N, C-alpha and C. Protein backbone atom coordinates (compact mmCIF):
# COMPACT_ATOMS: atom_id res chain seq x y z
N CYS A 1 -15.93 12.07 16.57
CA CYS A 1 -17.24 12.02 15.93
C CYS A 1 -18.06 10.84 16.42
N ASP A 2 -17.80 10.48 17.65
CA ASP A 2 -18.55 9.36 18.22
C ASP A 2 -19.56 9.80 19.27
N GLY A 3 -19.72 11.13 19.42
CA GLY A 3 -20.67 11.65 20.39
C GLY A 3 -20.09 11.85 21.78
N VAL A 4 -18.81 11.53 21.96
CA VAL A 4 -18.15 11.69 23.25
C VAL A 4 -17.01 12.69 23.08
N ASN A 5 -16.99 13.73 23.92
CA ASN A 5 -15.92 14.72 23.86
C ASN A 5 -14.66 14.15 24.49
N ASP A 6 -13.70 13.80 23.64
CA ASP A 6 -12.43 13.23 24.10
C ASP A 6 -11.34 14.28 24.23
N CYS A 7 -11.48 15.39 23.53
CA CYS A 7 -10.47 16.45 23.54
C CYS A 7 -10.96 17.62 24.39
N LYS A 8 -10.01 18.31 25.04
CA LYS A 8 -10.37 19.45 25.88
C LYS A 8 -11.08 20.54 25.08
N ASN A 9 -10.67 20.73 23.83
CA ASN A 9 -11.29 21.76 23.00
C ASN A 9 -12.51 21.25 22.24
N HIS A 10 -12.88 20.00 22.44
CA HIS A 10 -14.04 19.37 21.81
C HIS A 10 -13.94 19.33 20.28
N TYR A 11 -12.73 19.49 19.76
CA TYR A 11 -12.55 19.49 18.31
C TYR A 11 -12.89 18.13 17.70
N ASP A 12 -12.79 17.08 18.50
CA ASP A 12 -13.10 15.75 17.98
C ASP A 12 -14.59 15.58 17.69
N GLU A 13 -15.42 16.51 18.17
CA GLU A 13 -16.87 16.47 17.91
C GLU A 13 -17.32 17.68 17.09
N ASP A 14 -16.38 18.37 16.47
CA ASP A 14 -16.67 19.58 15.69
C ASP A 14 -17.60 19.25 14.53
N SER A 15 -18.60 20.11 14.33
CA SER A 15 -19.61 19.84 13.29
C SER A 15 -19.01 19.86 11.89
N VAL A 16 -17.95 20.62 11.67
CA VAL A 16 -17.31 20.64 10.36
C VAL A 16 -16.50 19.36 10.15
N ARG A 17 -15.76 18.95 11.15
CA ARG A 17 -14.92 17.76 11.05
C ARG A 17 -15.76 16.49 10.90
N CYS A 18 -16.91 16.46 11.51
CA CYS A 18 -17.72 15.24 11.54
C CYS A 18 -18.68 15.11 10.36
N VAL A 19 -18.55 15.95 9.37
CA VAL A 19 -19.37 15.86 8.17
C VAL A 19 -18.90 14.66 7.35
N VAL A 20 -19.84 13.90 6.83
CA VAL A 20 -19.52 12.78 5.94
C VAL A 20 -19.90 13.18 4.51
N PRO A 21 -18.92 13.54 3.68
CA PRO A 21 -19.24 13.96 2.31
C PRO A 21 -19.65 12.81 1.40
N MET A 22 -19.30 11.60 1.78
CA MET A 22 -19.62 10.42 0.97
C MET A 22 -20.99 9.90 1.39
N VAL A 23 -22.04 10.45 0.81
CA VAL A 23 -23.40 10.06 1.16
C VAL A 23 -24.00 9.18 0.07
N ALA A 24 -25.06 8.47 0.42
CA ALA A 24 -25.74 7.60 -0.55
C ALA A 24 -26.17 8.41 -1.77
N ASN A 25 -26.01 7.83 -2.92
CA ASN A 25 -26.36 8.42 -4.22
C ASN A 25 -25.45 9.56 -4.64
N SER A 26 -24.31 9.74 -3.99
CA SER A 26 -23.36 10.75 -4.45
C SER A 26 -22.44 10.11 -5.49
N THR A 27 -21.99 10.94 -6.42
CA THR A 27 -21.13 10.49 -7.51
C THR A 27 -19.91 11.39 -7.58
N TRP A 28 -18.77 10.76 -7.75
CA TRP A 28 -17.48 11.46 -7.78
C TRP A 28 -16.74 11.04 -9.04
N ILE A 29 -16.26 12.02 -9.81
CA ILE A 29 -15.54 11.71 -11.04
C ILE A 29 -14.07 12.07 -10.85
N GLY A 30 -13.19 11.15 -11.26
CA GLY A 30 -11.76 11.36 -11.05
C GLY A 30 -10.96 11.23 -12.33
N TYR A 31 -9.88 12.02 -12.37
CA TYR A 31 -8.97 12.02 -13.51
C TYR A 31 -7.55 11.76 -13.01
N PRO A 32 -6.77 10.99 -13.76
CA PRO A 32 -5.45 10.59 -13.26
C PRO A 32 -4.42 11.72 -13.30
N ALA A 33 -3.59 11.75 -12.26
CA ALA A 33 -2.39 12.58 -12.26
C ALA A 33 -1.22 11.71 -12.72
N TYR A 34 -1.19 10.47 -12.21
CA TYR A 34 -0.24 9.47 -12.68
C TYR A 34 -0.80 8.09 -12.36
N ASP A 35 -0.32 7.10 -13.07
CA ASP A 35 -0.79 5.72 -12.86
C ASP A 35 0.33 4.76 -13.26
N HIS A 36 0.94 4.14 -12.26
CA HIS A 36 2.05 3.22 -12.50
C HIS A 36 1.69 1.76 -12.21
N CYS A 37 0.41 1.49 -11.93
CA CYS A 37 0.14 0.12 -11.47
C CYS A 37 -1.16 -0.52 -11.94
N THR A 38 -2.14 0.23 -12.37
CA THR A 38 -3.40 -0.42 -12.72
C THR A 38 -3.29 -1.11 -14.08
N GLN A 39 -4.06 -2.15 -14.25
CA GLN A 39 -4.05 -2.89 -15.51
C GLN A 39 -4.69 -2.08 -16.63
N ARG A 40 -5.75 -1.37 -16.30
CA ARG A 40 -6.56 -0.71 -17.33
C ARG A 40 -6.08 0.70 -17.68
N ARG A 41 -5.31 1.33 -16.84
CA ARG A 41 -4.86 2.71 -17.03
C ARG A 41 -6.03 3.63 -17.39
N PRO A 42 -7.03 3.74 -16.50
CA PRO A 42 -8.22 4.53 -16.85
C PRO A 42 -7.91 6.01 -17.03
N TYR A 43 -8.58 6.61 -18.00
CA TYR A 43 -8.49 8.05 -18.18
C TYR A 43 -9.59 8.75 -17.38
N GLU A 44 -10.52 7.95 -16.85
CA GLU A 44 -11.59 8.50 -16.02
C GLU A 44 -12.07 7.39 -15.08
N MET A 45 -12.35 7.78 -13.84
CA MET A 45 -12.87 6.84 -12.85
C MET A 45 -14.05 7.51 -12.16
N ILE A 46 -15.15 6.78 -12.05
CA ILE A 46 -16.33 7.32 -11.38
C ILE A 46 -16.65 6.43 -10.18
N ILE A 47 -16.72 7.06 -9.01
CA ILE A 47 -17.09 6.35 -7.79
C ILE A 47 -18.51 6.79 -7.43
N SER A 48 -19.41 5.83 -7.36
CA SER A 48 -20.80 6.09 -6.97
C SER A 48 -21.07 5.39 -5.64
N VAL A 49 -21.58 6.15 -4.68
CA VAL A 49 -21.95 5.56 -3.40
C VAL A 49 -23.37 5.04 -3.55
N THR A 50 -23.52 3.73 -3.53
CA THR A 50 -24.84 3.13 -3.75
C THR A 50 -25.65 3.02 -2.47
N SER A 51 -24.98 2.93 -1.32
CA SER A 51 -25.69 2.96 -0.04
C SER A 51 -24.73 3.34 1.06
N ALA A 52 -25.30 3.92 2.11
CA ALA A 52 -24.52 4.35 3.27
C ALA A 52 -25.30 4.02 4.53
N PRO A 53 -25.35 2.73 4.88
CA PRO A 53 -26.11 2.33 6.07
C PRO A 53 -25.47 2.89 7.34
N SER A 54 -26.29 3.33 8.27
CA SER A 54 -25.73 3.88 9.51
C SER A 54 -25.23 2.75 10.39
N SER A 55 -24.22 3.07 11.16
CA SER A 55 -23.63 2.09 12.07
C SER A 55 -23.72 2.61 13.49
N SER A 56 -24.45 1.93 14.33
CA SER A 56 -24.55 2.36 15.72
C SER A 56 -23.36 1.88 16.53
N VAL A 57 -22.59 0.95 15.99
CA VAL A 57 -21.43 0.42 16.71
C VAL A 57 -20.20 1.28 16.46
N TYR A 58 -19.88 1.51 15.19
CA TYR A 58 -18.70 2.29 14.83
C TYR A 58 -19.13 3.64 14.28
N LYS A 59 -19.37 4.59 15.16
CA LYS A 59 -19.86 5.89 14.72
C LYS A 59 -18.80 6.70 13.98
N VAL A 60 -17.53 6.38 14.21
CA VAL A 60 -16.46 7.12 13.56
C VAL A 60 -16.28 6.68 12.11
N HIS A 61 -16.60 5.43 11.81
CA HIS A 61 -16.48 4.90 10.46
C HIS A 61 -17.86 4.72 9.85
N GLN A 62 -18.10 5.41 8.73
CA GLN A 62 -19.36 5.30 8.01
C GLN A 62 -19.22 4.20 6.96
N PRO A 63 -19.91 3.06 7.13
CA PRO A 63 -19.82 2.01 6.11
C PRO A 63 -20.51 2.44 4.81
N LEU A 64 -19.96 2.01 3.69
CA LEU A 64 -20.48 2.38 2.38
C LEU A 64 -20.47 1.18 1.44
N LYS A 65 -21.36 1.20 0.49
CA LYS A 65 -21.31 0.30 -0.67
C LYS A 65 -21.04 1.21 -1.86
N VAL A 66 -20.09 0.82 -2.68
CA VAL A 66 -19.71 1.67 -3.81
C VAL A 66 -19.67 0.88 -5.11
N GLN A 67 -19.79 1.64 -6.18
CA GLN A 67 -19.57 1.11 -7.53
C GLN A 67 -18.48 1.97 -8.15
N VAL A 68 -17.47 1.34 -8.69
CA VAL A 68 -16.36 2.05 -9.33
C VAL A 68 -16.39 1.72 -10.82
N ASP A 69 -16.62 2.74 -11.63
CA ASP A 69 -16.64 2.58 -13.09
C ASP A 69 -15.34 3.13 -13.65
N LEU A 70 -14.68 2.32 -14.46
CA LEU A 70 -13.40 2.68 -15.06
C LEU A 70 -13.55 2.80 -16.56
N PHE A 71 -13.00 3.87 -17.12
CA PHE A 71 -13.05 4.10 -18.56
C PHE A 71 -11.62 4.22 -19.07
N SER A 72 -11.28 3.39 -20.05
CA SER A 72 -9.92 3.36 -20.56
C SER A 72 -9.92 3.14 -22.07
N LYS A 73 -8.73 3.23 -22.65
CA LYS A 73 -8.54 2.94 -24.07
C LYS A 73 -7.44 1.90 -24.19
N ASN A 74 -7.65 0.94 -25.08
CA ASN A 74 -6.66 -0.09 -25.35
C ASN A 74 -6.48 -0.17 -26.86
N HIS A 75 -5.33 0.29 -27.33
CA HIS A 75 -5.05 0.33 -28.77
C HIS A 75 -6.13 1.11 -29.51
N GLY A 76 -6.55 2.24 -28.93
CA GLY A 76 -7.53 3.10 -29.56
C GLY A 76 -8.98 2.70 -29.37
N VAL A 77 -9.21 1.56 -28.73
CA VAL A 77 -10.57 1.08 -28.50
C VAL A 77 -10.99 1.42 -27.08
N LYS A 78 -12.12 2.11 -26.95
CA LYS A 78 -12.61 2.47 -25.62
C LYS A 78 -13.15 1.24 -24.91
N GLN A 79 -12.81 1.14 -23.63
CA GLN A 79 -13.27 0.03 -22.80
C GLN A 79 -13.82 0.58 -21.49
N SER A 80 -14.68 -0.20 -20.86
CA SER A 80 -15.17 0.19 -19.54
C SER A 80 -15.30 -1.05 -18.67
N ALA A 81 -15.22 -0.81 -17.38
CA ALA A 81 -15.38 -1.89 -16.40
C ALA A 81 -16.12 -1.31 -15.21
N SER A 82 -16.94 -2.11 -14.60
CA SER A 82 -17.71 -1.69 -13.43
C SER A 82 -17.44 -2.67 -12.30
N LEU A 83 -16.95 -2.15 -11.19
CA LEU A 83 -16.61 -2.96 -10.03
C LEU A 83 -17.44 -2.51 -8.84
N THR A 84 -17.89 -3.43 -8.03
CA THR A 84 -18.62 -3.07 -6.82
C THR A 84 -17.83 -3.53 -5.61
N GLY A 85 -18.06 -2.84 -4.50
CA GLY A 85 -17.31 -3.23 -3.32
C GLY A 85 -17.76 -2.53 -2.06
N ASP A 86 -17.07 -2.89 -0.99
CA ASP A 86 -17.31 -2.30 0.32
C ASP A 86 -16.29 -1.20 0.57
N ALA A 87 -16.74 -0.21 1.32
CA ALA A 87 -15.87 0.90 1.66
C ALA A 87 -16.32 1.47 3.00
N TYR A 88 -15.53 2.41 3.50
CA TYR A 88 -15.97 3.18 4.65
C TYR A 88 -15.32 4.54 4.62
N TYR A 89 -15.98 5.49 5.26
CA TYR A 89 -15.43 6.84 5.40
C TYR A 89 -15.07 7.02 6.86
N CYS A 90 -13.82 7.37 7.13
CA CYS A 90 -13.35 7.60 8.49
C CYS A 90 -13.44 9.09 8.79
N LYS A 91 -14.31 9.45 9.73
CA LYS A 91 -14.51 10.85 10.07
C LYS A 91 -13.26 11.45 10.71
N GLY A 92 -12.56 10.68 11.51
CA GLY A 92 -11.38 11.19 12.20
C GLY A 92 -10.27 11.61 11.26
N SER A 93 -9.96 10.77 10.29
CA SER A 93 -8.88 11.07 9.35
C SER A 93 -9.39 11.70 8.06
N GLN A 94 -10.70 11.78 7.90
CA GLN A 94 -11.34 12.33 6.70
C GLN A 94 -10.84 11.60 5.45
N ARG A 95 -10.91 10.26 5.54
CA ARG A 95 -10.44 9.43 4.44
C ARG A 95 -11.51 8.43 4.02
N LEU A 96 -11.57 8.18 2.73
CA LEU A 96 -12.40 7.14 2.14
C LEU A 96 -11.50 5.94 1.89
N ILE A 97 -11.92 4.77 2.33
CA ILE A 97 -11.16 3.55 2.10
C ILE A 97 -12.05 2.58 1.33
N ILE A 98 -11.64 2.23 0.12
CA ILE A 98 -12.36 1.24 -0.69
C ILE A 98 -11.50 -0.01 -0.73
N ALA A 99 -12.04 -1.08 -0.18
CA ALA A 99 -11.31 -2.35 -0.17
C ALA A 99 -11.03 -2.81 -1.59
N PRO A 100 -9.94 -3.55 -1.80
CA PRO A 100 -9.61 -4.01 -3.16
C PRO A 100 -10.78 -4.76 -3.80
N PRO A 101 -11.29 -4.25 -4.93
CA PRO A 101 -12.42 -4.92 -5.58
C PRO A 101 -12.01 -6.08 -6.49
N GLU A 102 -10.70 -6.22 -6.73
CA GLU A 102 -10.22 -7.28 -7.63
C GLU A 102 -9.09 -8.06 -6.96
N ASP A 103 -8.65 -9.10 -7.63
CA ASP A 103 -7.59 -9.96 -7.10
C ASP A 103 -6.22 -9.30 -7.09
N ASP A 104 -6.06 -8.15 -7.75
CA ASP A 104 -4.75 -7.50 -7.78
C ASP A 104 -4.40 -6.82 -6.45
N ARG A 105 -5.34 -6.78 -5.52
CA ARG A 105 -5.15 -6.24 -4.17
C ARG A 105 -4.76 -4.77 -4.16
N LEU A 106 -5.30 -4.00 -5.11
CA LEU A 106 -5.11 -2.56 -5.12
C LEU A 106 -6.35 -1.92 -4.51
N GLU A 107 -6.14 -1.14 -3.46
CA GLU A 107 -7.26 -0.46 -2.82
C GLU A 107 -7.23 1.02 -3.19
N ILE A 108 -8.35 1.68 -2.97
CA ILE A 108 -8.45 3.11 -3.23
C ILE A 108 -8.56 3.82 -1.90
N ILE A 109 -7.71 4.81 -1.70
CA ILE A 109 -7.77 5.64 -0.50
C ILE A 109 -7.97 7.07 -0.94
N GLY A 110 -9.08 7.67 -0.51
CA GLY A 110 -9.38 9.05 -0.83
C GLY A 110 -9.10 9.94 0.36
N GLU A 111 -8.34 11.00 0.15
CA GLU A 111 -7.98 11.90 1.24
C GLU A 111 -8.61 13.27 1.01
N PHE A 112 -9.52 13.65 1.90
CA PHE A 112 -10.11 14.98 1.88
C PHE A 112 -9.17 15.92 2.63
N ASP A 113 -9.17 17.20 2.25
CA ASP A 113 -8.21 18.13 2.84
C ASP A 113 -8.70 18.84 4.10
N GLY A 114 -9.92 18.57 4.54
CA GLY A 114 -10.43 19.22 5.75
C GLY A 114 -11.05 20.57 5.49
N VAL A 115 -10.99 21.04 4.26
CA VAL A 115 -11.59 22.33 3.90
C VAL A 115 -12.72 22.12 2.90
N TYR A 116 -12.41 21.47 1.80
CA TYR A 116 -13.38 21.26 0.74
C TYR A 116 -13.98 19.86 0.84
N THR A 117 -15.29 19.78 0.87
CA THR A 117 -15.96 18.48 0.94
C THR A 117 -16.47 18.04 -0.43
N ASP A 118 -16.15 18.80 -1.48
CA ASP A 118 -16.61 18.46 -2.82
C ASP A 118 -15.49 17.93 -3.71
N ARG A 119 -14.33 17.62 -3.11
CA ARG A 119 -13.20 17.11 -3.87
C ARG A 119 -12.25 16.36 -2.94
N PHE A 120 -11.52 15.43 -3.53
CA PHE A 120 -10.50 14.73 -2.77
C PHE A 120 -9.45 14.16 -3.70
N VAL A 121 -8.30 13.84 -3.14
CA VAL A 121 -7.24 13.18 -3.89
C VAL A 121 -7.36 11.69 -3.60
N GLY A 122 -7.47 10.91 -4.66
CA GLY A 122 -7.60 9.47 -4.51
C GLY A 122 -6.32 8.77 -4.93
N TYR A 123 -5.86 7.87 -4.10
CA TYR A 123 -4.66 7.11 -4.39
C TYR A 123 -5.01 5.64 -4.59
N ILE A 124 -4.36 5.02 -5.56
CA ILE A 124 -4.41 3.58 -5.70
C ILE A 124 -3.20 3.08 -4.91
N VAL A 125 -3.47 2.18 -3.97
CA VAL A 125 -2.44 1.77 -3.02
C VAL A 125 -2.32 0.25 -3.02
N ARG A 126 -1.10 -0.22 -3.00
CA ARG A 126 -0.87 -1.66 -2.86
C ARG A 126 -1.21 -2.05 -1.43
N GLU A 127 -2.17 -2.94 -1.29
CA GLU A 127 -2.71 -3.27 0.03
C GLU A 127 -1.64 -3.74 1.01
N MET A 128 -0.75 -4.59 0.60
CA MET A 128 0.24 -5.17 1.51
C MET A 128 1.31 -4.18 1.94
N SER A 129 1.80 -3.38 1.01
CA SER A 129 2.92 -2.48 1.33
C SER A 129 2.47 -1.07 1.68
N GLY A 130 1.28 -0.68 1.23
CA GLY A 130 0.83 0.69 1.45
C GLY A 130 1.41 1.68 0.45
N ASP A 131 2.15 1.18 -0.54
CA ASP A 131 2.77 2.06 -1.54
C ASP A 131 1.71 2.66 -2.46
N LYS A 132 1.78 3.98 -2.64
CA LYS A 132 0.89 4.67 -3.57
C LYS A 132 1.47 4.51 -4.97
N CYS A 133 0.65 4.00 -5.89
CA CYS A 133 1.17 3.77 -7.24
C CYS A 133 0.35 4.48 -8.32
N ALA A 134 -0.71 5.16 -7.93
CA ALA A 134 -1.50 5.97 -8.87
C ALA A 134 -2.21 7.05 -8.07
N GLU A 135 -2.46 8.16 -8.73
CA GLU A 135 -3.16 9.28 -8.09
C GLU A 135 -4.23 9.82 -9.03
N PHE A 136 -5.42 10.04 -8.48
CA PHE A 136 -6.53 10.61 -9.23
C PHE A 136 -7.09 11.79 -8.44
N ARG A 137 -7.58 12.80 -9.15
CA ARG A 137 -8.24 13.95 -8.53
C ARG A 137 -9.73 13.79 -8.76
N PHE A 138 -10.50 13.72 -7.67
CA PHE A 138 -11.93 13.48 -7.73
C PHE A 138 -12.72 14.74 -7.39
N PHE A 139 -13.85 14.89 -8.09
CA PHE A 139 -14.75 16.03 -7.88
C PHE A 139 -16.17 15.53 -7.79
N LYS A 140 -16.92 16.08 -6.85
CA LYS A 140 -18.31 15.67 -6.67
C LYS A 140 -19.14 16.17 -7.84
N GLN A 141 -20.04 15.31 -8.32
CA GLN A 141 -20.90 15.67 -9.45
C GLN A 141 -22.26 16.09 -8.96
């Protein structure tokens, strides 16, 4: 998706593969499948793409600014937190990478399946080890 045909079948420049579903002002809502590591144990997570500046240097990686809103309950009391951070969408692997927004060094990795651009599986991953410790299912709003 860099404008140069590197593969004999030109699949690396395929119009379907090179779509960036994470566009500015898009909102994605996620619900947990399991969560073994976050402090807040959110029952809902909303990822909002606040900007998607174009990059003439790294055409394969789309830089993003995101806001992550977390909704949880603690002893029956509803709580919310809003975190902002940097992210990028990798066209080659069809993955969203959100750098750890807090000191706990947990990053969010979203994996699109290559078929549906309106949903993805999001993993909370320990930055140092790469271990997946939570999974959320996200849907475009």
